[in-house]
Amino acid sequence: MNLRGILFLCLILISISGIYAEEVPPQNVNATTSNAVTPNSSSKETITNQTKNTTISSIISASSAVKTQIDTKKEITPTVKVSMENVSSSDYLYLMVKSLSTNPHGFTGTVTYTSKQAATNSQGDKLTGQLVLSEYLKLAQDITSYMDTHGKAPDYMSTSRGKIKYEALIYIYSRVLNFKATQKKLPNFVYMDPINQVKTAPVAETKPVNSTPVTNQSTAKPTATLNDIRSASASLVSFMDKNKKLPGTVMVGGKQLSIDQYLYLLSKGLVQIKNGGTGSISYGTYNGATNSHGVKLSGNLLQSEVIKLAQQVTTYMDTYGKSPDNIQTSKGAMQYEAIFHVFGRVMSYQATYKKLPNYVRLDVLSNVVPLKTLNSTKPAENTTNPVNNTSVFLKASKNCQVNDPTIIAMANQLTLGVNTTWEKAEAIFNWVRDNLTYSFYYNTKYGAVNTLKNKTGNCVDHSHLLIALTRAAGIESRYAHGTCQFKSGSVYGHVWAELFIDGKWVKADASSSSNNLGVINNWNTANVVMKGVYSELSF
């Protein structure tokens, strides 16, 4: 086929229509011709890659239909309608990230672009947790730079959550812009779980506009050396001893890091030292604890437990992109601030003596870290149990297999060495919240036993497992069902647990990492429309 024939075929393919997402009046799109690229010096014909302009408001408006398409079909489409023009999905990815790089919080302005090829070998990881605002904005800049340099969309981008494939990048940024369109602001974070359902598109058969070999298309994460992490630990402990609080930032190897970035490095550094590692440690961005609390601690933690706790903190921060409110130790719940002092002393000791200590004392914490408890956050509603026969809230019920051996074993494991009802409930709640991922579907899919096995579930199955474990631990528990308005502005039917503790029913919604026992942050408790509370759920 000669070159004219190829051009004619390309024009036919470009005319195929795509997603229609026009939610605002059409904006003018001005197209001008860029410098022509001559593929063969002997040919009189040229292939042009036009420079085009489109408004940021049109880009934002198109996001709703793209998000809806992927929500329902779990796949991207070849084209997206932006204002009056069909653009390829790869071009729309560029428009989204470029608009966020140009005017992240605004709705005005214009994006100038040339056509970009799609990814040629899309690939990525199964991801959980959240991508926080600062990271997804930085990622948008990195994608923009990559596409400007290589003339194509990346196969994947590396983040603190792992590798995000090409199609998932389109989904993430369509959700960000749709939130911006409806809420008039950017979301503080984006959940990663939904992107795992997005299908990988067939490998593109076209060659990239820029054929320069790509040696590294991932986003490089910053790193810190073990020596720099060690050196900072003594300063951290000294500051806390003197000021009875955490510093806002920590200097690590000449870089000013957030206190939560240093907690991640401190935790991962201890694990690496124990395992004999010496390499630098990469890190991302992390939010702070949302509701720090714990109990007064005494006695000693053995080295083995300290390392285990450090690994738990690392895993938690990798998964949720934030620091934990506390960690469960053999001596009780250790609040957020105390974790720094304990890990900092262990690292400082290792820096001085070139070995990890055999144990670390806990009684000194009371002189350094003001104790924070949950007393002020425990709800006061429903101060009496409204059901006379309270044993109904301890029995096995449909999808709540209290007597299953795996449920009993897990309940016993989580409450080992814990004395009060509140502490038992909190230990179970925190485990369910921190060890299950959220999956979107309606009603029951797994039940308590299979939710424990699969480590994933929607709000209903989260509640099945939480209630089964707490009932197995001797704590009366029930289901609550209502229509809730979530922080995103969306309104959904929702299920959560309520636990009977110290004469009160305490809300327990473990389906979001932002929640704590007795504290719900991901939906508005003031305007919930209750549908009922039950000992057994029928759906």
Protein backbone atom coordinates (compact mmCIF):
# COMPACT_ATOMS: atom_id res chain seq x y z
CA MET A 1 0.00 0.00 0.00
CA ASN A 2 1.47 3.43 -0.94
CA LEU A 3 1.71 6.33 1.52
CA ARG A 4 -1.48 7.99 0.26
CA GLY A 5 -3.37 4.77 0.96
CA ILE A 6 -1.96 4.60 4.47
CA LEU A 7 -2.99 8.19 5.18
CA PHE A 8 -6.50 7.52 3.90
CA LEU A 9 -6.82 4.46 6.16
CA CYS A 10 -5.58 6.47 9.16
CA LEU A 11 -8.22 9.13 8.52
CA ILE A 12 -10.92 6.46 8.51
CA LEU A 13 -9.69 5.03 11.80
CA ILE A 14 -9.48 8.44 13.45
CA SER A 15 -13.12 9.13 12.57
CA ILE A 16 -14.38 6.29 14.77
CA SER A 17 -16.39 7.84 17.58
CA GLY A 18 -15.68 7.29 21.27
CA ILE A 19 -16.98 8.29 24.68
CA TYR A 20 -19.25 11.30 24.80
CA ALA A 21 -18.54 13.34 27.89
CA GLU A 22 -19.68 16.87 27.13
CA GLU A 23 -21.07 18.40 30.33
CA VAL A 24 -20.39 22.08 29.56
CA PRO A 25 -21.07 24.20 26.45
CA PRO A 26 -18.65 23.34 23.63
CA GLN A 27 -15.33 25.18 23.73
CA ASN A 28 -13.46 26.26 20.61
CA VAL A 29 -10.54 24.04 19.69
CA ASN A 30 -7.91 25.80 17.60
CA ALA A 31 -5.62 23.61 15.51
CA THR A 32 -2.40 24.82 13.93
CA THR A 33 0.12 22.89 11.90
CA SER A 34 3.50 22.18 13.47
CA ASN A 35 6.76 21.56 11.65
CA ALA A 36 6.34 18.74 9.18
CA VAL A 37 8.26 15.51 9.68
CA THR A 38 9.52 14.00 6.44
CA PRO A 39 9.90 10.22 6.77
CA ASN A 40 11.79 9.83 3.49
CA SER A 41 13.87 12.54 1.89
CA SER A 42 12.93 11.33 -1.60
CA SER A 43 9.20 11.63 -0.92
CA LYS A 44 7.25 14.79 -1.70
CA GLU A 45 4.61 13.90 0.89
CA THR A 46 4.87 14.78 4.59
CA ILE A 47 3.20 13.47 7.73
CA THR A 48 2.15 16.26 10.08
CA ASN A 49 1.56 16.03 13.82
CA GLN A 50 -0.71 18.96 14.53
CA THR A 51 -0.42 21.15 17.59
CA LYS A 52 -3.83 21.56 19.16
CA ASN A 53 -5.37 23.49 22.03
CA THR A 54 -8.24 22.60 24.33
CA THR A 55 -9.55 24.17 27.50
CA ILE A 56 -9.03 22.75 30.97
CA SER A 57 -12.76 23.05 31.63
CA SER A 58 -13.46 20.75 28.65
CA ILE A 59 -10.89 18.24 29.88
CA ILE A 60 -12.50 18.19 33.32
CA SER A 61 -16.00 17.85 31.85
CA ALA A 62 -14.99 14.78 29.83
CA SER A 63 -13.86 12.92 32.95
CA SER A 64 -17.36 11.93 34.07
CA ALA A 65 -18.10 9.77 31.03
CA VAL A 66 -14.62 8.22 31.08
CA LYS A 67 -14.98 7.31 34.76
CA THR A 68 -18.48 5.90 34.18
CA GLN A 69 -17.30 3.86 31.19
CA ILE A 70 -14.50 2.25 33.21
CA ASP A 71 -16.72 1.82 36.28
CA THR A 72 -19.21 -0.21 34.26
CA LYS A 73 -17.15 -1.87 31.50
CA LYS A 74 -13.82 -2.16 33.36
CA GLU A 75 -11.97 -1.04 30.22
CA ILE A 76 -10.92 2.09 28.40
CA THR A 77 -12.26 3.07 24.97
CA PRO A 78 -10.16 4.02 21.91
CA THR A 79 -11.36 7.62 21.91
CA VAL A 80 -12.81 10.25 24.22
CA LYS A 81 -14.90 13.22 23.16
CA VAL A 82 -13.41 16.42 24.56
CA SER A 83 -15.51 19.43 23.63
CA MET A 84 -16.22 18.95 19.89
CA GLU A 85 -13.33 16.63 19.06
CA ASN A 86 -12.64 12.92 19.46
CA VAL A 87 -9.19 12.39 20.97
CA SER A 88 -7.41 9.10 21.61
CA SER A 89 -7.34 7.71 25.13
CA SER A 90 -3.59 8.26 25.25
CA ASP A 91 -4.10 11.91 24.29
CA TYR A 92 -6.79 12.23 26.95
CA LEU A 93 -4.38 10.86 29.56
CA TYR A 94 -1.94 13.57 28.50
CA LEU A 95 -4.65 16.25 28.67
CA MET A 96 -5.65 15.17 32.18
CA VAL A 97 -2.15 15.11 33.64
CA LYS A 98 -1.10 18.26 31.80
CA SER A 99 -4.14 20.13 33.14
CA LEU A 100 -3.28 19.04 36.68
CA SER A 101 0.33 20.10 36.16
CA THR A 102 -0.75 23.46 34.70
CA ASN A 103 -3.61 24.45 37.02
CA PRO A 104 -4.19 21.72 39.63
CA HIS A 105 -6.85 23.53 41.66
CA GLY A 106 -8.42 25.71 38.98
CA PHE A 107 -10.80 25.35 36.06
CA THR A 108 -9.42 27.92 33.62
CA GLY A 109 -6.63 27.85 31.09
CA THR A 110 -5.67 25.98 27.95
CA VAL A 111 -3.59 22.88 27.28
CA THR A 112 -1.52 22.73 24.10
CA TYR A 113 -0.63 19.25 22.87
CA THR A 114 0.38 17.03 19.99
CA SER A 115 -0.90 13.50 19.51
CA LYS A 116 0.70 10.78 21.64
CA GLN A 117 0.79 7.04 20.98
CA ALA A 118 -0.76 4.56 23.41
CA ALA A 119 1.33 2.33 25.66
CA THR A 120 2.97 -0.56 23.82
CA ASN A 121 3.33 -3.06 26.68
CA SER A 122 1.00 -2.08 29.51
CA GLN A 123 1.79 -3.80 32.81
CA GLY A 124 1.32 -3.19 36.52
CA ASP A 125 0.91 -4.58 40.01
CA LYS A 126 -2.17 -5.43 42.05
CA LEU A 127 -2.40 -2.42 44.33
CA THR A 128 -4.04 -1.50 47.62
CA GLY A 129 -4.10 1.54 49.87
CA GLN A 130 -4.25 5.13 48.74
CA LEU A 131 -2.35 7.56 46.54
CA VAL A 132 -2.28 10.88 48.40
CA LEU A 133 -2.78 14.26 46.73
CA SER A 134 0.87 15.34 46.74
CA GLU A 135 1.98 12.10 45.11
CA TYR A 136 -0.66 11.92 42.38
CA LEU A 137 0.09 15.55 41.44
CA LYS A 138 3.83 14.78 41.28
CA LEU A 139 2.99 11.66 39.27
CA ALA A 140 0.97 13.81 36.83
CA GLN A 141 4.04 15.97 36.24
CA ASP A 142 6.20 12.88 35.67
CA ILE A 143 3.71 11.42 33.16
CA THR A 144 3.57 14.76 31.32
CA SER A 145 7.35 14.88 31.11
CA TYR A 146 7.55 11.27 29.92
CA MET A 147 4.96 11.75 27.17
CA ASP A 148 6.56 15.01 26.03
CA THR A 149 9.92 13.26 25.78
CA HIS A 150 8.90 9.96 24.19
CA GLY A 151 5.73 10.83 22.28
CA LYS A 152 3.81 7.94 23.83
CA ALA A 153 2.02 6.97 27.01
CA PRO A 154 4.05 5.04 29.59
CA ASP A 155 3.48 1.30 29.95
CA TYR A 156 3.39 1.90 33.70
CA MET A 157 4.50 4.38 36.34
CA SER A 158 6.13 3.40 39.63
CA THR A 159 4.64 4.87 42.80
CA SER A 160 4.82 4.30 46.54
CA ARG A 161 1.97 1.79 46.06
CA GLY A 162 3.72 -0.10 43.25
CA LYS A 163 3.52 -0.09 39.44
CA ILE A 164 0.36 1.46 37.95
CA LYS A 165 -0.38 0.31 34.40
CA TYR A 166 -1.38 2.60 31.54
CA GLU A 167 -5.15 1.89 31.63
CA ALA A 168 -5.24 2.34 35.41
CA LEU A 169 -3.56 5.74 35.08
CA ILE A 170 -6.44 6.86 32.85
CA TYR A 171 -8.93 5.57 35.43
CA ILE A 172 -7.19 7.24 38.37
CA TYR A 173 -7.02 10.67 36.77
CA SER A 174 -10.58 10.48 35.42
CA ARG A 175 -11.69 9.86 39.03
CA VAL A 176 -9.58 12.76 40.27
CA LEU A 177 -11.00 15.17 37.69
CA ASN A 178 -14.56 13.92 38.17
CA PHE A 179 -14.20 14.59 41.91
CA LYS A 180 -12.81 18.03 41.09
CA ALA A 181 -15.78 18.70 38.79
CA THR A 182 -18.39 17.74 41.39
CA GLN A 183 -16.72 18.91 44.62
CA LYS A 184 -14.84 21.93 43.25
CA LYS A 185 -11.64 20.71 44.84
CA LEU A 186 -9.13 17.88 44.49
CA PRO A 187 -9.53 14.72 46.58
CA ASN A 188 -7.04 14.28 49.42
CA PHE A 189 -6.36 10.74 48.21
CA VAL A 190 -7.41 8.16 45.63
CA TYR A 191 -8.16 4.53 46.53
CA MET A 192 -6.05 2.00 44.64
CA ASP A 193 -8.28 -1.08 45.00
CA PRO A 194 -10.72 -0.20 42.15
CA ILE A 195 -7.94 0.01 39.55
CA ASN A 196 -7.24 -3.71 39.87
CA GLN A 197 -10.43 -4.42 37.91
CA VAL A 198 -9.42 -2.37 34.86
CA LYS A 199 -8.63 -4.59 31.88
CA THR A 200 -5.35 -4.31 30.01
CA ALA A 201 -5.92 -3.20 26.42
CA PRO A 202 -4.44 -5.21 23.51
CA VAL A 203 -0.85 -4.34 22.64
CA ALA A 204 -0.71 -1.45 20.19
CA GLU A 205 0.52 -2.34 16.69
CA THR A 206 1.70 1.17 15.84
CA LYS A 207 5.21 2.41 16.40
CA PRO A 208 5.82 5.31 18.78
CA VAL A 209 6.16 8.77 17.25
CA ASN A 210 9.54 9.05 18.94
CA SER A 211 11.40 5.77 18.49
CA THR A 212 14.17 6.59 20.97
CA PRO A 213 14.69 3.50 23.19
CA VAL A 214 13.21 3.86 26.66
CA THR A 215 15.58 2.69 29.36
CA ASN A 216 13.61 3.73 32.41
CA GLN A 217 10.00 4.87 32.33
CA SER A 218 9.32 4.62 36.05
CA THR A 219 9.18 7.42 38.55
CA ALA A 220 12.34 7.30 40.65
CA LYS A 221 11.63 7.40 44.37
CA PRO A 222 13.97 9.27 46.72
CA THR A 223 16.30 7.23 48.91
CA ALA A 224 18.17 7.58 52.19
CA THR A 225 21.23 5.69 53.39
CA LEU A 226 21.26 3.67 56.59
CA ASN A 227 24.00 5.91 57.98
CA ASP A 228 21.85 9.00 57.43
CA ILE A 229 18.87 7.30 59.07
CA ARG A 230 21.06 6.30 62.03
CA SER A 231 22.49 9.80 62.42
CA ALA A 232 19.05 11.40 62.56
CA SER A 233 17.77 9.07 65.30
CA ALA A 234 19.79 10.63 68.13
CA SER A 235 18.56 14.12 67.21
CA LEU A 236 14.96 12.90 67.16
CA VAL A 237 15.19 11.30 70.62
CA SER A 238 16.98 14.34 72.05
CA PHE A 239 14.28 16.68 70.69
CA MET A 240 11.49 14.56 72.16
CA ASP A 241 13.22 14.28 75.54
CA LYS A 242 13.55 18.06 75.72
CA ASN A 243 10.27 19.24 74.18
CA LYS A 244 7.89 16.36 75.04
CA LYS A 245 6.57 16.33 71.48
CA LEU A 246 7.51 15.35 67.95
CA PRO A 247 9.40 17.72 65.67
CA GLY A 248 7.65 18.81 62.50
CA THR A 249 10.46 17.62 60.24
CA VAL A 250 13.70 15.65 60.44
CA MET A 251 16.96 16.31 58.56
CA VAL A 252 18.13 13.10 56.89
CA GLY A 253 21.25 13.26 54.75
CA GLY A 254 20.83 16.98 54.15
CA LYS A 255 17.17 16.62 53.15
CA GLN A 256 14.29 17.94 55.24
CA LEU A 257 11.77 15.10 55.50
CA SER A 258 8.35 14.99 57.10
CA ILE A 259 8.18 13.24 60.46
CA ASP A 260 6.13 10.47 58.85
CA GLN A 261 8.66 9.90 56.10
CA TYR A 262 11.26 9.47 58.83
CA LEU A 263 9.05 7.00 60.70
CA TYR A 264 8.93 4.90 57.53
CA LEU A 265 12.71 5.05 57.12
CA LEU A 266 13.27 4.33 60.81
CA SER A 267 10.98 1.29 60.72
CA LYS A 268 12.31 -0.12 57.48
CA GLY A 269 15.88 0.61 58.56
CA LEU A 270 15.53 -1.47 61.72
CA VAL A 271 14.18 -4.41 59.73
CA GLN A 272 16.96 -4.09 57.18
CA ILE A 273 19.67 -3.97 59.87
CA LYS A 274 18.23 -7.08 61.52
CA ASN A 275 18.31 -8.87 58.17
CA GLY A 276 21.89 -7.81 57.48
CA GLY A 277 21.06 -5.34 54.72
CA THR A 278 23.20 -2.28 54.03
CA GLY A 279 21.60 -0.63 50.99
CA SER A 280 19.77 2.66 50.73
CA ILE A 281 16.03 2.73 51.44
CA SER A 282 13.48 4.32 49.12
CA TYR A 283 10.48 6.15 50.53
CA GLY A 284 7.36 7.98 49.44
CA THR A 285 5.01 10.53 50.97
CA TYR A 286 2.83 9.64 53.95
CA ASN A 287 0.05 11.25 55.94
CA GLY A 288 0.25 11.49 59.71
CA ALA A 289 -1.83 9.56 62.22
CA THR A 290 -5.46 10.66 62.31
CA ASN A 291 -6.35 9.70 65.89
CA SER A 292 -3.28 8.87 67.98
CA HIS A 293 -4.10 6.95 71.16
CA GLY A 294 -2.73 4.24 73.39
CA VAL A 295 -2.30 3.06 76.96
CA LYS A 296 0.32 3.67 79.65
CA LEU A 297 3.13 1.19 79.04
CA SER A 298 5.71 -0.35 81.34
CA GLY A 299 8.20 -3.19 81.24
CA ASN A 300 10.46 -4.09 78.33
CA LEU A 301 10.01 -5.02 74.69
CA LEU A 302 12.41 -7.68 73.47
CA GLN A 303 14.44 -7.07 70.32
CA SER A 304 12.45 -9.68 68.39
CA GLU A 305 9.17 -7.88 69.12
CA VAL A 306 10.61 -4.48 68.23
CA ILE A 307 11.65 -5.78 64.81
CA LYS A 308 8.26 -7.40 64.31
CA LEU A 309 6.54 -4.10 65.17
CA ALA A 310 8.85 -2.20 62.81
CA GLN A 311 7.85 -4.57 60.01
CA GLN A 312 4.16 -4.04 60.84
CA VAL A 313 4.58 -0.26 60.67
CA THR A 314 6.38 -0.52 57.33
CA THR A 315 3.67 -2.76 55.88
CA TYR A 316 0.90 -0.52 57.20
CA MET A 317 2.44 2.62 55.68
CA ASP A 318 3.10 0.87 52.37
CA THR A 319 -0.54 -0.21 52.27
CA TYR A 320 -2.37 2.89 53.51
CA GLY A 321 0.02 5.77 52.81
CA LYS A 322 -0.22 7.04 56.38
CA SER A 323 1.22 6.43 59.81
CA PRO A 324 -0.71 4.17 62.21
CA ASP A 325 -2.60 5.68 65.14
CA ASN A 326 -1.01 3.03 67.35
CA ILE A 327 0.48 -0.46 67.26
CA GLN A 328 -0.50 -3.40 69.41
CA THR A 329 2.38 -4.68 71.55
CA SER A 330 2.60 -7.42 74.17
CA LYS A 331 2.35 -4.63 76.76
CA GLY A 332 -0.66 -2.87 75.23
CA ALA A 333 -1.43 -0.29 72.55
CA MET A 334 1.53 2.02 71.83
CA GLN A 335 0.40 5.42 70.54
CA TYR A 336 1.79 7.09 67.41
CA GLU A 337 4.23 9.45 69.17
CA ALA A 338 5.66 6.69 71.37
CA ILE A 339 6.57 4.61 68.31
CA PHE A 340 9.08 7.29 67.29
CA HIS A 341 10.75 7.38 70.70
CA VAL A 342 11.04 3.60 70.98
CA PHE A 343 12.31 3.03 67.44
CA GLY A 344 14.54 6.11 67.68
CA ARG A 345 16.23 4.82 70.85
CA VAL A 346 16.78 1.40 69.30
CA MET A 347 18.33 2.93 66.16
CA SER A 348 20.46 5.35 68.20
CA TYR A 349 21.78 2.43 70.29
CA GLN A 350 22.64 0.52 67.13
CA ALA A 351 24.48 3.56 65.73
CA THR A 352 26.59 3.80 68.90
CA TYR A 353 27.27 0.14 69.69
CA LYS A 354 27.02 -1.36 66.18
CA LYS A 355 24.42 -3.87 67.32
CA LEU A 356 20.73 -3.90 68.19
CA PRO A 357 19.83 -3.84 71.90
CA ASN A 358 18.42 -7.00 73.48
CA TYR A 359 15.43 -5.03 74.76
CA VAL A 360 14.06 -1.50 75.10
CA ARG A 361 12.43 0.00 78.21
CA LEU A 362 8.91 1.39 78.02
CA ASP A 363 8.51 3.09 81.39
CA VAL A 364 10.49 6.16 80.23
CA LEU A 365 7.71 6.97 77.75
CA SER A 366 5.50 8.44 80.47
CA ASN A 367 8.10 11.19 81.01
CA VAL A 368 8.43 12.00 77.31
CA VAL A 369 5.17 11.38 75.47
CA PRO A 370 1.89 12.83 76.84
CA LEU A 371 -0.58 9.94 76.91
CA LYS A 372 -3.52 10.12 74.52
CA THR A 373 -6.55 7.91 75.12
CA LEU A 374 -9.88 7.37 73.41
CA ASN A 375 -11.97 8.35 76.44
CA SER A 376 -13.15 11.55 74.79
CA THR A 377 -14.12 9.82 71.55
CA LYS A 378 -16.21 6.95 72.88
CA PRO A 379 -19.81 7.58 71.79
CA ALA A 380 -22.40 8.27 74.44
CA GLU A 381 -25.52 7.30 72.49
CA ASN A 382 -27.52 4.15 73.31
CA THR A 383 -26.25 3.99 76.88
CA THR A 384 -28.28 0.87 77.57
CA ASN A 385 -28.68 -2.35 75.67
CA PRO A 386 -32.18 -2.21 74.15
CA VAL A 387 -32.48 -5.98 73.81
CA ASN A 388 -33.22 -8.02 76.91
CA ASN A 389 -31.82 -11.25 75.53
CA THR A 390 -28.31 -10.02 74.83
CA SER A 391 -27.02 -13.51 74.04
CA VAL A 392 -28.51 -13.16 70.54
CA PHE A 393 -25.60 -10.82 69.82
CA LEU A 394 -23.07 -13.51 70.72
CA LYS A 395 -24.50 -16.36 68.65
CA ALA A 396 -23.50 -17.56 65.21
CA SER A 397 -25.83 -16.36 62.46
CA LYS A 398 -26.06 -16.44 58.68
CA ASN A 399 -22.63 -15.58 57.22
CA CYS A 400 -21.32 -14.91 60.74
CA GLN A 401 -19.70 -18.24 61.62
CA VAL A 402 -18.76 -17.55 65.23
CA ASN A 403 -18.03 -21.22 66.01
CA ASP A 404 -15.74 -21.86 63.05
CA PRO A 405 -12.26 -22.96 64.24
CA THR A 406 -10.47 -20.37 62.09
CA ILE A 407 -12.61 -17.56 63.53
CA ILE A 408 -12.06 -18.74 67.10
CA ALA A 409 -8.31 -19.11 66.57
CA MET A 410 -7.97 -15.63 65.08
CA ALA A 411 -10.06 -14.05 67.86
CA ASN A 412 -7.89 -15.74 70.48
CA GLN A 413 -4.71 -14.65 68.73
CA LEU A 414 -5.79 -11.01 68.46
CA THR A 415 -6.90 -10.73 72.09
CA LEU A 416 -4.01 -12.63 73.68
CA GLY A 417 -2.74 -10.68 76.69
CA VAL A 418 -5.44 -8.00 76.32
CA ASN A 419 -7.64 -7.46 79.36
CA THR A 420 -10.41 -4.88 78.95
CA THR A 421 -13.38 -5.20 76.61
CA TRP A 422 -12.44 -1.96 74.85
CA GLU A 423 -8.87 -3.12 74.23
CA LYS A 424 -10.07 -6.48 72.91
CA ALA A 425 -12.55 -4.79 70.59
CA GLU A 426 -9.94 -2.31 69.42
CA ALA A 427 -7.37 -5.02 68.73
CA ILE A 428 -9.87 -6.93 66.57
CA PHE A 429 -11.17 -3.77 64.86
CA ASN A 430 -7.66 -2.55 64.00
CA TRP A 431 -6.70 -5.93 62.57
CA VAL A 432 -9.76 -6.14 60.32
CA ARG A 433 -9.30 -2.53 59.20
CA ASP A 434 -5.58 -2.89 58.51
CA ASN A 435 -5.44 -6.38 56.99
CA LEU A 436 -8.42 -6.42 54.63
CA THR A 437 -8.63 -4.60 51.32
CA TYR A 438 -11.90 -3.08 50.14
CA SER A 439 -13.68 -4.61 47.13
CA PHE A 440 -16.76 -3.07 45.55
CA TYR A 441 -19.83 -5.28 45.11
CA TYR A 442 -23.33 -5.50 46.56
CA ASN A 443 -24.54 -7.52 49.57
CA THR A 444 -22.75 -10.60 50.93
CA LYS A 445 -20.23 -12.40 48.74
CA TYR A 446 -17.93 -14.27 51.12
CA GLY A 447 -19.24 -14.35 54.70
CA ALA A 448 -16.95 -14.17 57.72
CA VAL A 449 -14.88 -17.31 57.11
CA ASN A 450 -14.09 -16.67 53.45
CA THR A 451 -13.51 -12.97 54.06
CA LEU A 452 -10.87 -13.98 56.60
CA LYS A 453 -9.41 -16.36 54.02
CA ASN A 454 -9.45 -13.92 51.08
CA LYS A 455 -8.51 -10.80 53.08
CA THR A 456 -10.89 -8.67 51.01
CA GLY A 457 -14.54 -7.65 51.01
CA ASN A 458 -17.11 -4.87 50.77
CA CYS A 459 -18.68 -3.15 53.78
CA VAL A 460 -21.04 -6.10 54.36
CA ASP A 461 -18.30 -8.74 54.45
CA HIS A 462 -16.05 -6.47 56.53
CA SER A 463 -18.90 -6.37 59.05
CA HIS A 464 -19.46 -10.15 58.90
CA LEU A 465 -15.83 -10.79 59.84
CA LEU A 466 -15.61 -8.06 62.48
CA ILE A 467 -18.81 -9.25 64.18
CA ALA A 468 -17.81 -12.92 64.03
CA LEU A 469 -14.42 -12.20 65.62
CA THR A 470 -15.81 -9.95 68.36
CA ARG A 471 -18.60 -12.40 69.19
CA ALA A 472 -16.01 -15.18 69.36
CA ALA A 473 -14.11 -12.99 71.83
CA GLY A 474 -17.24 -12.63 73.98
CA ILE A 475 -18.19 -9.11 72.86
CA GLU A 476 -21.84 -8.56 71.91
CA SER A 477 -22.05 -7.25 68.35
CA ARG A 478 -24.73 -6.32 65.84
CA TYR A 479 -25.16 -5.06 62.28
CA ALA A 480 -26.20 -1.48 61.49
CA HIS A 481 -27.69 -0.55 58.11
CA GLY A 482 -28.32 2.90 56.71
CA THR A 483 -28.03 5.32 53.81
CA CYS A 484 -24.85 7.36 54.21
CA GLN A 485 -23.32 10.39 52.52
CA PHE A 486 -19.61 9.74 52.02
CA LYS A 487 -16.86 12.33 51.91
CA SER A 488 -16.85 12.13 48.11
CA GLY A 489 -20.43 13.45 48.18
CA SER A 490 -21.85 10.13 46.97
CA VAL A 491 -24.79 8.58 48.84
CA TYR A 492 -24.93 4.79 49.20
CA GLY A 493 -26.55 2.11 51.27
CA HIS A 494 -23.97 1.03 53.83
CA VAL A 495 -23.45 -1.59 56.55
CA TRP A 496 -21.23 -1.35 59.62
CA ALA A 497 -20.88 -3.05 62.99
CA GLU A 498 -21.82 -1.88 66.47
CA LEU A 499 -20.11 -3.38 69.53
CA PHE A 500 -21.54 -3.35 73.06
CA ILE A 501 -18.75 -2.02 75.30
CA ASP A 502 -19.06 -0.72 78.86
CA GLY A 503 -22.84 -0.45 78.60
CA LYS A 504 -22.87 1.39 75.25
CA TRP A 505 -23.21 0.51 71.58
CA VAL A 506 -20.05 1.71 69.84
CA LYS A 507 -19.92 2.25 66.07
CA ALA A 508 -17.25 0.16 64.33
CA ASP A 509 -16.78 0.70 60.59
CA ALA A 510 -13.61 -1.16 59.57
CA SER A 511 -14.15 -0.68 55.83
CA SER A 512 -12.02 2.50 55.72
CA SER A 513 -8.48 3.08 56.97
CA SER A 514 -9.53 6.57 58.09
CA ASN A 515 -11.83 5.17 60.79
CA ASN A 516 -11.11 4.08 64.35
CA LEU A 517 -13.19 2.21 66.89
CA GLY A 518 -15.95 4.63 67.86
CA VAL A 519 -14.84 7.22 65.31
CA ILE A 520 -16.14 7.36 61.72
CA ASN A 521 -14.46 9.76 59.31
CA ASN A 522 -15.34 8.52 55.83
CA TRP A 523 -19.08 9.31 55.98
CA ASN A 524 -21.30 11.86 57.72
CA THR A 525 -22.81 10.37 60.87
CA ALA A 526 -24.98 13.46 61.37
CA ASN A 527 -27.26 12.88 58.37
CA VAL A 528 -27.32 9.08 58.11
CA VAL A 529 -30.77 7.63 57.36
CA MET A 530 -30.99 4.48 59.49
CA LYS A 531 -32.71 1.42 58.06
CA GLY A 532 -32.24 -0.78 61.10
CA VAL A 533 -29.97 -2.72 63.44
CA TYR A 534 -29.92 -6.52 63.37
CA SER A 535 -28.41 -9.55 65.05
CA GLU A 536 -28.38 -11.25 61.64
CA LEU A 537 -28.14 -9.81 58.14
CA SER A 538 -30.54 -11.10 55.49
CA PHE A 539 -28.66 -9.92 52.41
